[in-house]
Amino acid sequence: MTDGAWLYILRCVDGSYYIGTTRTELDIRIAQHNTGTFESYTKSRRPVTLIFSQWFDRITDAIECERKLKKWSRAKKEAFMRGDFAELQELAKRGSHHPSRRPPAAGPQDEV
């Protein structure tokens, strides 16, 4: 396991997600997050729970995936974690906008 790394996603106590990579064993890394070892996003959002992990043979691939996922909407991240690639493609076609963030459709009261 010396050349590769884990990509992992944590659910924080406030419902937000944290995405990271590590060469450390996952149980050790999660424990570090939960004890507040890191001055990071998770320190004030404990406890955290591991909800997704994927092993990469090369750490550079894990880091590349982490950077990509951090730019995605919550809906895209959740589709990725579920392995719902059809939904992921649909969300990509629509752009990064989540349906709940779209402006409401014009109704009769909006017509002038």
N, C-alpha and C. Protein backbone atom coordinates (compact mmCIF):
# COMPACT_ATOMS: atom_id res chain seq x y z
N MET A 1 0.81 -1.20 0.00
CA MET A 1 0.00 0.00 0.00
C MET A 1 0.84 1.26 0.00
N THR A 2 2.12 1.17 -0.28
CA THR A 2 2.97 2.35 -0.15
C THR A 2 2.84 3.32 -1.30
N ASP A 3 2.49 2.85 -2.50
CA ASP A 3 2.41 3.76 -3.64
C ASP A 3 1.02 4.36 -3.83
N GLY A 4 0.01 3.68 -3.35
CA GLY A 4 -1.35 4.11 -3.58
C GLY A 4 -1.90 4.94 -2.44
N ALA A 5 -3.21 5.20 -2.55
CA ALA A 5 -3.87 6.00 -1.52
C ALA A 5 -5.37 5.78 -1.57
N TRP A 6 -6.00 6.10 -0.47
CA TRP A 6 -7.45 6.06 -0.37
C TRP A 6 -8.03 7.44 -0.68
N LEU A 7 -9.10 7.46 -1.42
CA LEU A 7 -9.99 8.62 -1.52
C LEU A 7 -11.11 8.30 -0.55
N TYR A 8 -11.49 9.25 0.29
CA TYR A 8 -12.56 8.97 1.24
C TYR A 8 -13.48 10.18 1.37
N ILE A 9 -14.74 9.87 1.69
CA ILE A 9 -15.73 10.92 1.91
C ILE A 9 -16.35 10.68 3.28
N LEU A 10 -16.36 11.74 4.07
CA LEU A 10 -16.93 11.69 5.41
C LEU A 10 -18.22 12.51 5.44
N ARG A 11 -19.18 12.06 6.22
CA ARG A 11 -20.35 12.88 6.51
C ARG A 11 -20.10 13.48 7.89
N CYS A 12 -20.16 14.81 7.94
CA CYS A 12 -19.95 15.52 9.19
C CYS A 12 -21.26 15.59 9.97
N VAL A 13 -21.17 15.92 11.24
CA VAL A 13 -22.35 15.97 12.10
C VAL A 13 -23.38 16.98 11.58
N ASP A 14 -22.95 18.01 10.87
CA ASP A 14 -23.88 19.00 10.32
C ASP A 14 -24.47 18.58 8.97
N GLY A 15 -24.12 17.36 8.49
CA GLY A 15 -24.66 16.87 7.23
C GLY A 15 -23.79 17.19 6.02
N SER A 16 -22.78 18.00 6.21
CA SER A 16 -21.90 18.34 5.09
C SER A 16 -20.93 17.19 4.83
N TYR A 17 -20.26 17.25 3.68
CA TYR A 17 -19.31 16.22 3.31
C TYR A 17 -17.89 16.78 3.35
N TYR A 18 -16.97 15.90 3.71
CA TYR A 18 -15.54 16.21 3.63
C TYR A 18 -14.91 15.16 2.74
N ILE A 19 -14.13 15.59 1.77
CA ILE A 19 -13.45 14.68 0.85
C ILE A 19 -11.96 14.80 1.07
N GLY A 20 -11.30 13.66 1.22
CA GLY A 20 -9.87 13.68 1.44
C GLY A 20 -9.19 12.46 0.84
N THR A 21 -7.88 12.47 0.91
CA THR A 21 -7.08 11.33 0.48
C THR A 21 -6.08 11.02 1.59
N THR A 22 -5.69 9.76 1.66
CA THR A 22 -4.71 9.35 2.66
C THR A 22 -4.00 8.07 2.24
N ARG A 23 -2.77 7.98 2.66
CA ARG A 23 -2.03 6.72 2.54
C ARG A 23 -2.16 5.91 3.82
N THR A 24 -2.64 6.55 4.85
CA THR A 24 -2.85 5.91 6.15
C THR A 24 -4.04 4.95 6.05
N GLU A 25 -4.08 3.95 6.92
CA GLU A 25 -5.25 3.08 6.99
C GLU A 25 -6.48 3.93 7.31
N LEU A 26 -7.60 3.60 6.70
CA LEU A 26 -8.79 4.43 6.86
C LEU A 26 -9.27 4.54 8.30
N ASP A 27 -9.26 3.45 9.05
CA ASP A 27 -9.74 3.53 10.43
C ASP A 27 -8.89 4.49 11.26
N ILE A 28 -7.61 4.52 10.99
CA ILE A 28 -6.72 5.46 11.70
C ILE A 28 -7.04 6.89 11.28
N ARG A 29 -7.22 7.12 9.99
CA ARG A 29 -7.50 8.48 9.51
C ARG A 29 -8.83 9.00 10.04
N ILE A 30 -9.86 8.15 10.06
CA ILE A 30 -11.16 8.58 10.57
C ILE A 30 -11.05 8.91 12.07
N ALA A 31 -10.32 8.09 12.80
CA ALA A 31 -10.10 8.36 14.22
C ALA A 31 -9.39 9.70 14.41
N GLN A 32 -8.43 10.00 13.55
CA GLN A 32 -7.72 11.29 13.64
C GLN A 32 -8.69 12.45 13.42
N HIS A 33 -9.59 12.30 12.46
CA HIS A 33 -10.59 13.36 12.23
C HIS A 33 -11.48 13.51 13.47
N ASN A 34 -11.90 12.38 14.04
CA ASN A 34 -12.83 12.42 15.17
C ASN A 34 -12.20 12.90 16.47
N THR A 35 -10.89 12.81 16.59
CA THR A 35 -10.23 13.34 17.79
C THR A 35 -9.79 14.79 17.61
N GLY A 36 -9.98 15.32 16.41
CA GLY A 36 -9.60 16.71 16.16
C GLY A 36 -8.12 16.90 15.94
N THR A 37 -7.43 15.86 15.52
CA THR A 37 -5.99 15.92 15.28
C THR A 37 -5.63 16.99 14.25
N PHE A 38 -6.48 17.15 13.25
CA PHE A 38 -6.19 18.08 12.16
C PHE A 38 -6.89 19.40 12.38
N GLU A 39 -6.22 20.49 12.05
CA GLU A 39 -6.85 21.81 12.02
C GLU A 39 -7.52 21.92 10.66
N SER A 40 -8.64 21.24 10.52
CA SER A 40 -9.28 21.20 9.21
C SER A 40 -10.78 21.42 9.34
N TYR A 41 -11.44 21.32 8.22
CA TYR A 41 -12.88 21.50 8.11
C TYR A 41 -13.63 20.65 9.12
N THR A 42 -13.15 19.45 9.37
CA THR A 42 -13.89 18.52 10.23
C THR A 42 -13.77 18.81 11.72
N LYS A 43 -12.79 19.58 12.12
CA LYS A 43 -12.54 19.78 13.56
C LYS A 43 -13.77 20.30 14.30
N SER A 44 -14.50 21.22 13.71
CA SER A 44 -15.68 21.78 14.37
C SER A 44 -16.97 21.09 13.92
N ARG A 45 -16.83 19.99 13.18
CA ARG A 45 -18.01 19.29 12.65
C ARG A 45 -18.01 17.81 13.04
N ARG A 46 -17.47 17.52 14.21
CA ARG A 46 -17.38 16.14 14.68
C ARG A 46 -18.63 15.75 15.45
N PRO A 47 -18.93 14.45 15.47
CA PRO A 47 -18.18 13.34 14.88
C PRO A 47 -18.43 13.23 13.38
N VAL A 48 -17.51 12.56 12.73
CA VAL A 48 -17.64 12.30 11.30
C VAL A 48 -17.81 10.79 11.09
N THR A 49 -18.44 10.45 9.97
CA THR A 49 -18.68 9.05 9.63
C THR A 49 -18.19 8.80 8.21
N LEU A 50 -17.46 7.73 8.02
CA LEU A 50 -17.02 7.35 6.69
C LEU A 50 -18.22 6.85 5.90
N ILE A 51 -18.46 7.45 4.73
CA ILE A 51 -19.59 7.01 3.91
C ILE A 51 -19.16 6.50 2.53
N PHE A 52 -17.90 6.74 2.15
CA PHE A 52 -17.41 6.25 0.86
C PHE A 52 -15.90 6.17 0.91
N SER A 53 -15.36 5.14 0.27
CA SER A 53 -13.90 5.06 0.11
C SER A 53 -13.59 4.29 -1.16
N GLN A 54 -12.47 4.63 -1.77
CA GLN A 54 -12.01 3.95 -2.96
C GLN A 54 -10.48 3.95 -2.96
N TRP A 55 -9.90 2.80 -3.22
CA TRP A 55 -8.46 2.66 -3.28
C TRP A 55 -7.96 2.99 -4.68
N PHE A 56 -6.89 3.75 -4.76
CA PHE A 56 -6.22 4.06 -6.03
C PHE A 56 -4.79 3.53 -5.94
N ASP A 57 -4.33 2.90 -7.00
CA ASP A 57 -2.97 2.35 -7.00
C ASP A 57 -1.91 3.44 -7.01
N ARG A 58 -2.29 4.62 -7.50
CA ARG A 58 -1.35 5.75 -7.52
C ARG A 58 -1.96 6.92 -6.75
N ILE A 59 -1.19 7.49 -5.86
CA ILE A 59 -1.70 8.61 -5.06
C ILE A 59 -2.09 9.79 -5.94
N THR A 60 -1.39 9.98 -7.04
CA THR A 60 -1.72 11.10 -7.93
C THR A 60 -3.13 10.95 -8.49
N ASP A 61 -3.57 9.72 -8.74
CA ASP A 61 -4.94 9.49 -9.23
C ASP A 61 -5.97 9.80 -8.14
N ALA A 62 -5.65 9.42 -6.91
CA ALA A 62 -6.55 9.71 -5.78
C ALA A 62 -6.70 11.21 -5.59
N ILE A 63 -5.60 11.93 -5.66
CA ILE A 63 -5.63 13.39 -5.48
C ILE A 63 -6.39 14.05 -6.62
N GLU A 64 -6.19 13.57 -7.84
CA GLU A 64 -6.92 14.12 -8.99
C GLU A 64 -8.43 13.93 -8.82
N CYS A 65 -8.84 12.75 -8.38
CA CYS A 65 -10.25 12.48 -8.15
C CYS A 65 -10.80 13.36 -7.02
N GLU A 66 -10.04 13.51 -5.95
CA GLU A 66 -10.45 14.38 -4.84
C GLU A 66 -10.70 15.80 -5.32
N ARG A 67 -9.78 16.35 -6.09
CA ARG A 67 -9.94 17.72 -6.59
C ARG A 67 -11.16 17.87 -7.48
N LYS A 68 -11.42 16.86 -8.30
CA LYS A 68 -12.59 16.89 -9.18
C LYS A 68 -13.88 16.85 -8.36
N LEU A 69 -13.95 15.93 -7.41
CA LEU A 69 -15.16 15.79 -6.60
C LEU A 69 -15.46 17.03 -5.77
N LYS A 70 -14.44 17.69 -5.28
CA LYS A 70 -14.65 18.88 -4.46
C LYS A 70 -15.34 20.00 -5.23
N LYS A 71 -15.24 19.98 -6.55
CA LYS A 71 -15.87 21.00 -7.39
C LYS A 71 -17.32 20.66 -7.73
N TRP A 72 -17.71 19.43 -7.48
CA TRP A 72 -19.05 18.97 -7.87
C TRP A 72 -20.12 19.43 -6.89
N SER A 73 -21.35 19.47 -7.39
CA SER A 73 -22.50 19.76 -6.54
C SER A 73 -22.74 18.58 -5.59
N ARG A 74 -23.50 18.83 -4.56
CA ARG A 74 -23.86 17.77 -3.61
C ARG A 74 -24.59 16.63 -4.33
N ALA A 75 -25.49 16.97 -5.25
CA ALA A 75 -26.24 15.95 -5.98
C ALA A 75 -25.31 15.05 -6.80
N LYS A 76 -24.32 15.64 -7.44
CA LYS A 76 -23.36 14.84 -8.21
C LYS A 76 -22.52 13.96 -7.30
N LYS A 77 -22.09 14.48 -6.16
CA LYS A 77 -21.32 13.68 -5.21
C LYS A 77 -22.14 12.49 -4.74
N GLU A 78 -23.41 12.71 -4.44
CA GLU A 78 -24.26 11.63 -3.95
C GLU A 78 -24.51 10.59 -5.03
N ALA A 79 -24.69 11.00 -6.26
CA ALA A 79 -24.85 10.04 -7.37
C ALA A 79 -23.58 9.22 -7.54
N PHE A 80 -22.43 9.86 -7.43
CA PHE A 80 -21.14 9.17 -7.53
C PHE A 80 -21.01 8.13 -6.43
N MET A 81 -21.34 8.50 -5.20
CA MET A 81 -21.21 7.57 -4.08
C MET A 81 -22.16 6.38 -4.21
N ARG A 82 -23.33 6.62 -4.78
CA ARG A 82 -24.29 5.52 -5.01
C ARG A 82 -23.90 4.65 -6.19
N GLY A 83 -22.96 5.14 -6.99
CA GLY A 83 -22.60 4.42 -8.21
C GLY A 83 -23.66 4.58 -9.29
N ASP A 84 -24.46 5.64 -9.19
CA ASP A 84 -25.53 5.92 -10.14
C ASP A 84 -24.98 6.78 -11.27
N PHE A 85 -24.32 6.11 -12.20
CA PHE A 85 -23.63 6.84 -13.26
C PHE A 85 -24.59 7.44 -14.29
N ALA A 86 -25.78 6.85 -14.43
CA ALA A 86 -26.79 7.44 -15.31
C ALA A 86 -27.22 8.80 -14.76
N GLU A 87 -27.49 8.86 -13.46
CA GLU A 87 -27.86 10.13 -12.83
C GLU A 87 -26.71 11.13 -12.88
N LEU A 88 -25.51 10.63 -12.69
CA LEU A 88 -24.33 11.50 -12.75
C LEU A 88 -24.21 12.14 -14.13
N GLN A 89 -24.43 11.35 -15.18
CA GLN A 89 -24.39 11.89 -16.54
C GLN A 89 -25.50 12.91 -16.76
N GLU A 90 -26.69 12.63 -16.24
CA GLU A 90 -27.81 13.56 -16.39
C GLU A 90 -27.52 14.88 -15.68
N LEU A 91 -26.97 14.80 -14.48
CA LEU A 91 -26.62 16.02 -13.75
C LEU A 91 -25.53 16.80 -14.48
N ALA A 92 -24.60 16.10 -15.09
CA ALA A 92 -23.52 16.77 -15.84
C ALA A 92 -24.09 17.50 -17.05
N LYS A 93 -25.10 16.91 -17.70
CA LYS A 93 -25.73 17.56 -18.86
C LYS A 93 -26.42 18.85 -18.45
N ARG A 94 -27.02 18.82 -17.26
CA ARG A 94 -27.75 19.99 -16.77
C ARG A 94 -26.82 21.07 -16.23
N GLY A 95 -25.58 20.73 -16.04
CA GLY A 95 -24.64 21.66 -15.42
C GLY A 95 -24.58 21.37 -13.94
N SER A 96 -23.95 22.23 -13.21
CA SER A 96 -23.74 21.97 -11.78
C SER A 96 -24.92 22.43 -10.93
N HIS A 97 -25.99 22.89 -11.55
CA HIS A 97 -27.12 23.40 -10.78
C HIS A 97 -27.96 22.26 -10.25
N HIS A 98 -28.28 22.33 -9.01
CA HIS A 98 -29.17 21.36 -8.38
C HIS A 98 -30.59 21.80 -8.68
N PRO A 99 -31.52 20.86 -8.95
CA PRO A 99 -32.90 21.26 -9.28
C PRO A 99 -33.52 22.22 -8.28
N SER A 100 -33.21 22.07 -7.01
CA SER A 100 -33.81 22.95 -6.00
C SER A 100 -33.25 24.36 -6.06
N ARG A 101 -32.17 24.58 -6.79
CA ARG A 101 -31.57 25.91 -6.88
C ARG A 101 -31.96 26.64 -8.15
N ARG A 102 -32.73 25.99 -8.99
CA ARG A 102 -33.18 26.66 -10.22
C ARG A 102 -34.24 27.69 -9.88
N PRO A 103 -34.29 28.77 -10.66
CA PRO A 103 -35.35 29.74 -10.42
C PRO A 103 -36.69 29.10 -10.74
N PRO A 104 -37.74 29.47 -10.03
CA PRO A 104 -39.05 28.88 -10.29
C PRO A 104 -39.52 29.22 -11.70
N ALA A 105 -40.28 28.30 -12.27
CA ALA A 105 -40.85 28.53 -13.60
C ALA A 105 -41.86 29.67 -13.51
N ALA A 106 -41.96 30.43 -14.59
CA ALA A 106 -42.89 31.54 -14.61
C ALA A 106 -44.32 31.00 -14.57
N GLY A 107 -45.11 31.56 -13.73
CA GLY A 107 -46.53 31.18 -13.61
C GLY A 107 -47.38 32.33 -14.06
N PRO A 108 -48.69 32.14 -14.01
CA PRO A 108 -49.60 33.22 -14.44
C PRO A 108 -49.38 34.52 -13.69
N GLN A 109 -49.00 34.44 -12.41
CA GLN A 109 -48.79 35.67 -11.64
C GLN A 109 -47.55 36.42 -12.10
N ASP A 110 -46.64 35.72 -12.83
CA ASP A 110 -45.40 36.34 -13.27
C ASP A 110 -45.53 37.00 -14.64
N GLU A 111 -46.60 36.73 -15.33
CA GLU A 111 -46.75 37.27 -16.69
C GLU A 111 -47.17 38.73 -16.60
N VAL A 112 -46.67 39.52 -17.53
CA VAL A 112 -47.00 40.95 -17.53
C VAL A 112 -47.83 41.28 -18.74
